[in-house]
Protein backbone atom coordinates (compact mmCIF):
# COMPACT_ATOMS: atom_id res chain seq x y z
CA MET A 1 6.84 7.21 -17.94
CA SER A 2 3.44 7.42 -16.26
CA LEU A 3 1.07 4.43 -16.06
CA ARG A 4 -1.30 6.16 -18.48
CA ASP A 5 1.49 6.73 -21.03
CA LYS A 6 2.54 3.08 -20.76
CA ILE A 7 -1.01 1.91 -21.41
CA LEU A 8 -1.42 4.28 -24.36
CA LYS A 9 1.86 3.03 -25.78
CA ALA A 10 0.72 -0.57 -25.33
CA LYS A 11 -2.43 0.18 -27.34
CA ILE A 12 -0.35 1.04 -30.40
CA LYS A 13 1.45 -2.31 -30.54
CA LYS A 14 0.23 -4.98 -32.93
CA THR A 15 -1.65 -7.50 -30.81
CA SER A 16 -3.86 -9.64 -32.98
CA THR A 17 -4.48 -12.39 -30.41
CA ARG A 18 -4.19 -10.62 -27.03
CA LEU A 19 -7.02 -9.34 -24.86
CA LEU A 20 -5.11 -6.99 -22.58
CA PRO A 21 -4.85 -4.07 -25.05
CA HIS A 22 -8.62 -4.21 -25.57
CA LEU A 23 -9.19 -4.06 -21.81
CA GLN A 24 -6.70 -1.23 -21.41
CA GLU A 25 -8.39 0.80 -24.13
CA GLU A 26 -11.80 0.42 -22.45
CA ILE A 27 -10.44 1.29 -19.01
CA LEU A 28 -9.08 4.58 -20.39
CA LYS A 29 -12.43 5.68 -21.76
CA PRO A 30 -14.31 8.39 -19.80
CA PHE A 31 -17.41 7.45 -17.83
CA PRO A 32 -20.61 8.26 -19.82
CA GLY A 33 -22.52 9.75 -16.86
CA TYR A 34 -26.07 8.69 -17.78
CA SER A 35 -28.98 10.64 -16.31
CA PRO A 36 -31.87 8.82 -14.52
CA ARG A 37 -34.01 9.33 -17.64
CA GLN A 38 -31.37 7.72 -19.85
CA LEU A 39 -31.03 4.81 -17.43
CA LYS A 40 -34.79 4.25 -17.51
CA LYS A 41 -34.79 4.35 -21.31
CA HIS A 42 -31.89 1.90 -21.36
CA SER A 43 -33.81 -0.46 -19.04
CA LEU A 44 -36.94 -0.31 -21.21
CA ASN A 45 -34.88 -1.11 -24.30
CA ILE A 46 -33.54 -4.25 -22.59
CA ILE A 47 -37.09 -5.38 -21.73
CA LYS A 48 -38.26 -4.70 -25.29
CA GLU A 49 -35.28 -6.51 -26.76
CA ALA A 50 -35.74 -9.50 -24.43
CA SER A 51 -39.41 -9.91 -25.38
CA SER A 52 -38.79 -9.67 -29.11
CA GLU A 53 -39.30 -12.72 -31.29
CA GLU A 54 -35.93 -11.98 -32.93
CA ARG A 55 -34.09 -11.50 -29.64
CA ASN A 56 -30.31 -11.50 -29.62
CA ASP A 57 -29.13 -12.94 -26.29
CA ASP A 58 -25.59 -11.62 -26.75
CA GLU A 59 -26.83 -8.07 -27.25
CA ILE A 60 -29.19 -8.39 -24.28
CA MET A 61 -26.37 -9.54 -22.00
CA LYS A 62 -24.13 -6.70 -23.19
CA SER A 63 -26.90 -4.19 -22.43
CA VAL A 64 -27.54 -5.71 -18.99
CA LEU A 65 -23.84 -5.44 -18.09
CA ASP A 66 -23.74 -1.83 -19.33
CA LEU A 67 -26.77 -0.98 -17.21
CA LEU A 68 -25.31 -2.65 -14.13
CA PHE A 69 -22.04 -0.76 -14.49
CA VAL A 70 -23.51 2.72 -14.94
CA SER A 71 -26.05 2.12 -12.16
CA LEU A 72 -23.27 1.29 -9.70
CA SER A 73 -21.01 4.18 -10.71
CA SER A 74 -23.05 7.14 -9.49
CA GLU A 75 -20.07 8.83 -7.84
CA ARG A 76 -18.71 9.79 -11.28
CA LYS A 77 -21.69 11.97 -12.11
CA GLY A 78 -21.67 15.75 -11.93
CA ARG A 79 -21.40 17.85 -8.78
CA GLU A 80 -24.73 19.24 -7.55
CA CYS A 81 -24.46 18.83 -3.79
CA ILE A 82 -22.16 18.31 -0.82
CA HIS A 83 -21.08 14.69 -0.49
CA PRO A 84 -21.07 13.21 3.05
CA SER A 85 -17.83 11.36 2.27
CA GLU A 86 -15.87 14.60 1.95
CA LEU A 87 -17.18 16.63 4.88
CA LYS A 88 -14.73 15.36 7.50
CA ASP A 89 -11.56 16.81 5.98
CA ALA A 90 -12.52 18.78 2.85
CA CYS A 91 -11.86 22.50 2.63
CA PRO A 92 -15.13 24.54 2.60
CA ARG A 93 -13.73 26.77 -0.15
CA LYS A 94 -12.99 23.74 -2.34
CA ILE A 95 -16.59 22.49 -1.88
CA TYR A 96 -17.84 26.00 -2.71
CA TYR A 97 -15.84 25.96 -5.95
CA ASP A 98 -17.35 22.56 -6.80
CA LEU A 99 -20.89 23.80 -6.17
CA THR A 100 -20.39 26.93 -8.26
CA HIS A 101 -18.79 24.98 -11.15
CA SER A 102 -15.67 27.12 -10.91
CA PRO A 103 -12.92 26.57 -13.50
CA VAL A 104 -10.50 23.80 -12.58
CA THR A 105 -6.97 25.20 -12.55
CA ASN A 106 -5.09 22.09 -11.45
CA PRO A 107 -6.75 19.30 -13.50
CA SER A 108 -4.14 16.64 -12.67
CA ALA A 109 -5.48 16.61 -9.09
CA ARG A 110 -8.80 15.29 -10.41
CA GLU A 111 -7.52 12.52 -12.65
CA ILE A 112 -8.39 8.96 -11.68
CA PRO A 113 -5.62 6.58 -12.82
CA PRO A 114 -6.90 3.53 -14.75
CA LYS A 115 -5.69 1.15 -12.02
CA LEU A 116 -7.60 3.06 -9.32
CA LYS A 117 -10.69 3.20 -11.55
CA LEU A 118 -10.56 -0.59 -11.88
CA ILE A 119 -10.29 -0.95 -8.07
CA PHE A 120 -13.39 1.24 -7.65
CA ASP A 121 -15.35 -0.78 -10.22
CA VAL A 122 -14.51 -4.10 -8.54
CA GLY A 123 -15.61 -2.58 -5.23
CA HIS A 124 -18.97 -1.62 -6.73
CA LEU A 125 -19.54 -5.15 -7.96
CA LEU A 126 -18.77 -6.58 -4.50
CA HIS A 127 -21.32 -4.12 -3.08
CA ALA A 128 -23.93 -5.40 -5.52
CA TYR A 129 -23.14 -9.01 -4.59
CA MET A 130 -23.61 -8.36 -0.86
CA GLN A 131 -26.79 -6.34 -1.44
CA GLN A 132 -28.28 -9.16 -3.51
CA LYS A 133 -27.54 -11.72 -0.77
CA LEU A 134 -29.05 -9.47 1.92
CA PHE A 135 -32.16 -8.87 -0.21
CA LYS A 136 -32.60 -12.65 -0.49
CA SER A 137 -32.24 -13.07 3.28
CA GLY A 138 -35.08 -10.60 3.81
CA VAL A 139 -33.28 -8.06 6.04
CA LEU A 140 -32.33 -5.53 3.34
CA LYS A 141 -35.40 -3.38 2.67
CA ALA A 142 -33.85 -0.88 0.25
CA ALA A 143 -30.55 -0.45 -1.60
CA GLU A 144 -28.74 2.63 -2.94
CA VAL A 145 -30.87 4.86 -0.71
CA ASP A 146 -30.88 8.58 -1.51
CA VAL A 147 -29.58 10.70 1.38
CA ASP A 148 -30.61 14.25 0.54
CA ASP A 149 -31.18 17.41 2.55
CA GLU A 150 -32.09 20.54 0.62
CA ASP A 151 -31.32 22.97 3.46
CA LEU A 152 -27.83 21.54 4.03
CA MET A 153 -27.28 20.85 0.30
CA ILE A 154 -26.19 17.32 1.24
CA GLY A 155 -26.59 14.58 -1.35
CA GLY A 156 -25.39 11.01 -1.41
CA LYS A 157 -26.39 7.36 -1.37
CA ALA A 158 -26.31 4.89 1.49
CA ASP A 159 -25.71 1.26 0.57
CA GLY A 160 -29.02 0.23 2.08
CA ILE A 161 -31.56 0.16 4.89
CA ILE A 162 -31.66 -2.87 7.18
CA LYS A 163 -34.80 -3.81 9.12
CA PHE A 164 -35.18 -6.94 11.24
CA GLU A 165 -38.42 -8.84 11.65
CA GLY A 166 -40.46 -7.81 14.70
CA SER A 167 -38.88 -4.36 15.00
CA ASP A 168 -39.70 -0.93 13.56
CA ASP A 169 -36.10 0.25 13.94
CA GLU A 170 -34.02 0.81 10.82
CA TYR A 171 -30.26 0.66 10.37
CA VAL A 172 -28.11 2.26 7.70
CA LEU A 173 -26.09 -0.38 5.83
CA GLU A 174 -22.53 0.49 4.90
CA ILE A 175 -20.50 -2.00 2.82
CA LYS A 176 -16.77 -1.33 2.67
CA THR A 177 -14.21 -3.19 0.57
CA ILE A 178 -10.70 -2.95 1.96
CA ASN A 179 -7.30 -4.51 1.29
CA ASP A 180 -5.70 -7.02 3.62
CA TYR A 181 -3.48 -4.47 5.40
CA GLY A 182 -6.41 -2.14 6.12
CA TYR A 183 -8.57 -5.09 7.19
CA ARG A 184 -5.98 -6.15 9.78
CA GLN A 185 -5.81 -2.58 11.12
CA LEU A 186 -9.51 -2.60 12.10
CA LYS A 187 -9.40 -2.73 15.88
CA GLY A 188 -12.93 -3.62 16.90
CA ALA A 189 -14.57 -0.67 15.14
CA PRO A 190 -14.95 0.96 11.69
CA THR A 191 -12.43 3.62 10.70
CA GLU A 192 -13.06 7.16 11.96
CA ARG A 193 -13.65 8.41 8.40
CA HIS A 194 -16.23 5.71 7.73
CA GLN A 195 -17.95 6.36 11.07
CA ASN A 196 -18.16 10.06 10.21
CA GLN A 197 -19.64 9.45 6.77
CA SER A 198 -22.20 6.95 8.04
CA SER A 199 -23.24 9.22 10.92
CA ILE A 200 -24.06 11.91 8.36
CA TYR A 201 -26.12 9.40 6.37
CA GLY A 202 -27.96 8.30 9.49
CA GLY A 203 -28.45 11.84 10.78
CA VAL A 204 -29.85 13.13 7.48
CA LEU A 205 -32.20 10.16 7.09
CA ARG A 206 -33.38 10.67 10.66
CA ARG A 207 -33.97 14.37 9.94
CA ASN A 208 -36.13 13.23 7.05
CA GLY A 209 -38.30 11.11 9.36
CA ARG A 210 -36.80 7.62 9.12
CA PRO A 211 -36.49 5.69 12.44
CA ILE A 212 -32.73 5.19 12.16
CA LYS A 213 -31.39 3.34 15.20
CA GLY A 214 -27.77 2.99 14.12
CA ILE A 215 -25.36 1.88 11.42
CA ILE A 216 -24.35 -1.66 10.45
CA PHE A 217 -20.97 -2.00 8.72
CA ILE A 218 -19.91 -4.94 6.57
CA TYR A 219 -16.18 -4.93 5.80
CA ILE A 220 -14.93 -7.22 3.03
CA ASN A 221 -11.26 -8.15 2.75
CA LYS A 222 -10.59 -7.92 -0.98
CA ASN A 223 -7.59 -10.25 -0.72
CA THR A 224 -9.24 -13.09 1.21
CA GLN A 225 -13.00 -12.34 1.12
CA GLU A 226 -13.11 -12.43 4.94
CA ILE A 227 -15.97 -10.42 6.43
CA LYS A 228 -16.29 -8.37 9.62
CA GLU A 229 -19.49 -6.78 10.96
CA TYR A 230 -19.86 -3.78 13.27
CA LEU A 231 -22.94 -2.13 14.79
CA ILE A 232 -22.48 1.47 15.96
CA PRO A 233 -24.80 4.32 16.97
CA ILE A 234 -24.93 7.63 15.10
CA ASN A 235 -22.10 9.83 16.34
CA GLU A 236 -24.11 12.90 17.35
CA LYS A 237 -21.02 15.10 17.69
CA GLU A 238 -19.79 14.24 14.19
CA PHE A 239 -23.23 14.88 12.69
CA SER A 240 -23.58 18.21 14.51
CA GLU A 241 -20.18 19.33 13.21
CA ALA A 242 -21.15 18.28 9.68
CA GLU A 243 -24.38 20.30 9.94
CA GLU A 244 -22.43 23.39 11.03
CA LYS A 245 -19.94 22.97 8.20
CA CYS A 246 -22.73 22.61 5.63
CA GLU A 247 -24.58 25.64 6.99
CA TYR A 248 -21.36 27.66 6.70
CA ILE A 249 -20.82 26.56 3.09
CA VAL A 250 -24.49 27.10 2.12
CA GLU A 251 -24.44 30.60 3.65
CA HIS A 252 -21.48 31.58 1.47
CA TYR A 253 -22.97 29.81 -1.55
CA LYS A 254 -26.17 31.87 -1.29
CA LYS A 255 -24.20 35.11 -0.89
CA LYS A 256 -21.83 34.07 -3.71
CA GLU A 257 -18.86 34.67 -1.45
CA GLU A 258 -15.83 32.38 -1.13
CA PRO A 259 -15.42 30.80 2.32
CA SER A 260 -12.18 31.54 4.12
CA ARG A 261 -9.07 29.83 2.81
CA VAL A 262 -7.86 26.88 4.90
CA CYS A 263 -4.28 26.52 3.61
CA PRO A 264 -1.85 29.20 4.83
CA SER A 265 0.19 28.92 1.61
CA SER A 266 0.06 27.34 -1.84
CA LYS A 267 2.91 25.03 -0.85
CA GLU A 268 0.77 23.03 1.58
CA ASP A 269 0.14 19.37 0.68
CA LEU A 270 -3.63 19.98 0.78
CA ALA A 271 -3.26 22.87 -1.66
CA ASN A 272 -1.07 20.89 -4.06
CA ALA A 273 -3.70 18.13 -4.13
CA CYS A 274 -6.53 20.58 -4.84
CA ALA A 275 -7.99 21.06 -8.32
CA TYR A 276 -8.53 24.76 -7.57
CA LYS A 277 -5.15 25.72 -6.13
CA ASP A 278 -4.34 28.44 -8.66
CA LEU A 279 -7.85 29.87 -8.44
CA CYS A 280 -7.81 29.86 -4.64
CA PHE A 281 -4.47 31.66 -4.41
CA LYS A 282 -5.17 33.76 -7.52
CA ILE A 283 -1.95 32.55 -9.12
């Protein structure tokens, strides 16, 4: 029995004085995916409610927590661009299918198990905690920074921009939460995947005119709350390769032509993990 089936079965049981079924039911609910306009309206409602003579503090707190959660969960919103986090290994054809809103033929490959969803949410809250502390210290100048390039169709968010007093240089902030095993495997540098993603952030922001000097990583051990810090330059080779890959995808997107298939057969592990396997191989 799958984890989801176990949770659904647990919901049916009579549990008059237990909290776990209520939590499980909420975790299984789909993400609402609020638009920026809806978020702004939600924020204004909180302000209006807080200033009312008949204010309800419980309702205000519930609304504040809702707003915090949806604001931190931007990765669950719809596909409209190429995400820097996927460029290193993702198949160009798969990204093309995402951009063209092609029909998903292998939906199980896209499902996020409730346990993994909870891990993501806790990670977002740790991000917010670190951002708040860095704002208070005065070195964090912006958080959740848009990283967009229309020509490359890249879109994402960096955790922040760091700027130290007495210098005009800026640094991309990347906060990573990692388990104890992964934390111990860090050998004096961020992981290659994280370095690639951050180099794309830094490269795009630099293309847009920001004086990006490098990237500062903060790694948090989720098991012990230990922290490691790394300062690295933008990897020019990685960014150049990402640019080329984006240009290739955008070229095919504009011509409405599928990029070449990467997997030699439908039995490849990459193909089996793809939401578009049947479409790609015309099964």
